[in-house]
Amino acid sequence: MDGRLSYSSNTNGDKSLTSTNILKYIDGDSIGKFAFVSLPYKSMGGSNGFGDASIGLGPRGRSGNLHWIAYGGLTLPTGDSGLGNNRYDKKLGIYTTYLTKDKKLEDIKK
């Protein structure tokens, strides 16, 4: 489970605060699968409610210290009135992370 909080504003003066919960499935090490379901809750212009849900899946893997996830996804028009986009959107993406051999940069010392 992953939680994200974001704030945005534009030149029209529109402001929004969005809390997104993302349920993830990850398996495998050198090669595996990745899937997610994302559901945002928005507060925008006096309206509060759910935004459009997203789903996606794809392969994931590792080559040495380079980890990657590639995915295809779909945003579904499930948002409450005024908080969704009323259409289906397709997505393609890739995430990469490089971990140093000694993991010195990833280790947080207290």
Protein backbone atom coordinates (compact mmCIF):
# COMPACT_ATOMS: atom_id res chain seq x y z
CA MET A 1 0.00 0.00 0.00
CA ASP A 2 1.29 3.42 -0.93
CA GLY A 3 -0.20 6.76 0.14
CA ARG A 4 0.39 10.09 -1.60
CA LEU A 5 -0.74 13.62 -0.83
CA SER A 6 -0.50 16.34 -3.48
CA TYR A 7 -1.48 20.00 -3.81
CA SER A 8 -1.85 21.85 -7.09
CA SER A 9 -2.93 25.26 -8.34
CA ASN A 10 -3.12 26.77 -11.82
CA THR A 11 -3.15 30.21 -13.44
CA ASN A 12 -6.97 30.30 -13.24
CA GLY A 13 -6.77 30.19 -9.45
CA ASP A 14 -8.06 26.61 -9.23
CA LYS A 15 -6.60 24.75 -6.27
CA SER A 16 -6.87 21.10 -5.31
CA LEU A 17 -5.67 18.79 -2.57
CA THR A 18 -5.59 15.09 -3.45
CA SER A 19 -4.97 12.08 -1.23
CA THR A 20 -4.30 8.93 -3.25
CA ASN A 21 -4.20 5.36 -1.95
CA ILE A 22 -2.42 2.88 -4.20
CA LEU A 23 -2.69 -0.87 -3.69
CA LYS A 24 0.31 -2.61 -5.30
CA TYR A 25 1.20 -6.20 -6.14
CA ILE A 26 4.86 -7.01 -6.83
CA ASP A 27 6.47 -10.43 -7.24
CA GLY A 28 9.74 -11.87 -8.52
CA ASP A 29 13.26 -10.55 -8.22
CA SER A 30 15.22 -10.63 -11.48
CA ILE A 31 11.91 -10.85 -13.40
CA GLY A 32 8.33 -10.68 -12.17
CA LYS A 33 4.96 -8.92 -12.30
CA PHE A 34 3.69 -5.55 -11.10
CA ALA A 35 0.06 -4.42 -10.76
CA PHE A 36 -1.71 -1.50 -9.11
CA VAL A 37 -5.11 -0.01 -8.31
CA SER A 38 -5.19 3.71 -7.48
CA LEU A 39 -8.10 5.63 -5.94
CA PRO A 40 -7.76 9.39 -5.29
CA TYR A 41 -9.89 11.45 -2.91
CA LYS A 42 -10.03 15.13 -3.95
CA SER A 43 -10.89 18.44 -2.37
CA MET A 44 -11.31 21.06 -5.09
CA GLY A 45 -13.24 24.31 -5.21
CA GLY A 46 -15.52 23.42 -2.32
CA SER A 47 -16.23 19.94 -3.72
CA ASN A 48 -14.97 16.80 -1.98
CA GLY A 49 -15.13 13.24 -3.24
CA PHE A 50 -13.47 10.49 -5.21
CA GLY A 51 -11.55 11.15 -8.41
CA ASP A 52 -11.08 8.68 -11.26
CA ALA A 53 -9.67 5.25 -10.37
CA SER A 54 -6.67 3.85 -12.26
CA ILE A 55 -5.54 0.28 -12.82
CA GLY A 56 -2.39 -1.06 -14.41
CA LEU A 57 -0.04 -4.00 -14.78
CA GLY A 58 3.19 -5.05 -16.42
CA PRO A 59 6.54 -6.76 -16.04
CA ARG A 60 9.22 -5.82 -13.53
CA GLY A 61 12.80 -6.87 -13.22
CA ARG A 62 16.33 -6.26 -12.14
CA SER A 63 19.64 -6.26 -13.95
CA GLY A 64 22.36 -5.99 -11.34
CA ASN A 65 21.55 -2.90 -9.29
CA LEU A 66 19.15 -1.41 -11.87
CA HIS A 67 15.51 -2.16 -11.00
CA TRP A 68 12.71 -1.41 -13.49
CA ILE A 69 8.92 -1.58 -13.78
CA ALA A 70 7.12 -1.13 -17.11
CA TYR A 71 3.34 -0.89 -17.16
CA GLY A 72 0.23 -0.25 -19.17
CA GLY A 73 -2.78 1.22 -17.44
CA LEU A 74 -6.25 2.64 -17.74
CA THR A 75 -7.92 5.52 -15.90
CA LEU A 76 -11.62 4.81 -15.43
CA PRO A 77 -14.31 7.56 -15.35
CA THR A 78 -15.40 6.71 -11.79
CA GLY A 79 -14.97 10.14 -10.20
CA ASP A 80 -17.69 12.04 -8.41
CA SER A 81 -19.33 14.90 -10.36
CA GLY A 82 -16.79 17.62 -11.13
CA LEU A 83 -13.87 15.63 -9.69
CA GLY A 84 -13.27 13.21 -12.56
CA ASN A 85 -12.59 13.68 -16.26
CA ASN A 86 -15.57 11.68 -17.67
CA ARG A 87 -13.42 9.66 -20.06
CA TYR A 88 -11.14 6.62 -20.28
CA ASP A 89 -7.42 7.47 -20.45
CA LYS A 90 -4.70 4.97 -21.48
CA LYS A 91 -1.25 5.10 -19.87
CA LEU A 92 2.16 3.61 -20.59
CA GLY A 93 5.10 4.10 -18.28
CA ILE A 94 8.40 2.88 -16.93
CA TYR A 95 10.03 3.45 -13.56
CA THR A 96 13.68 2.80 -12.86
CA THR A 97 15.73 2.80 -9.66
CA TYR A 98 19.47 2.33 -9.39
CA LEU A 99 20.78 1.10 -6.05
CA THR A 100 24.48 1.56 -5.32
CA LYS A 101 26.46 -1.61 -4.66
CA ASP A 102 27.01 -0.83 -0.98
CA LYS A 103 23.55 0.77 -0.67
CA LYS A 104 25.27 3.68 1.08
CA LEU A 105 22.98 6.28 -0.53
CA GLU A 106 19.83 4.33 0.41
CA ASP A 107 20.71 3.82 4.09
CA ILE A 108 19.41 6.51 6.44
CA LYS A 109 21.56 6.88 9.53
CA LYS A 110 19.99 8.21 12.71
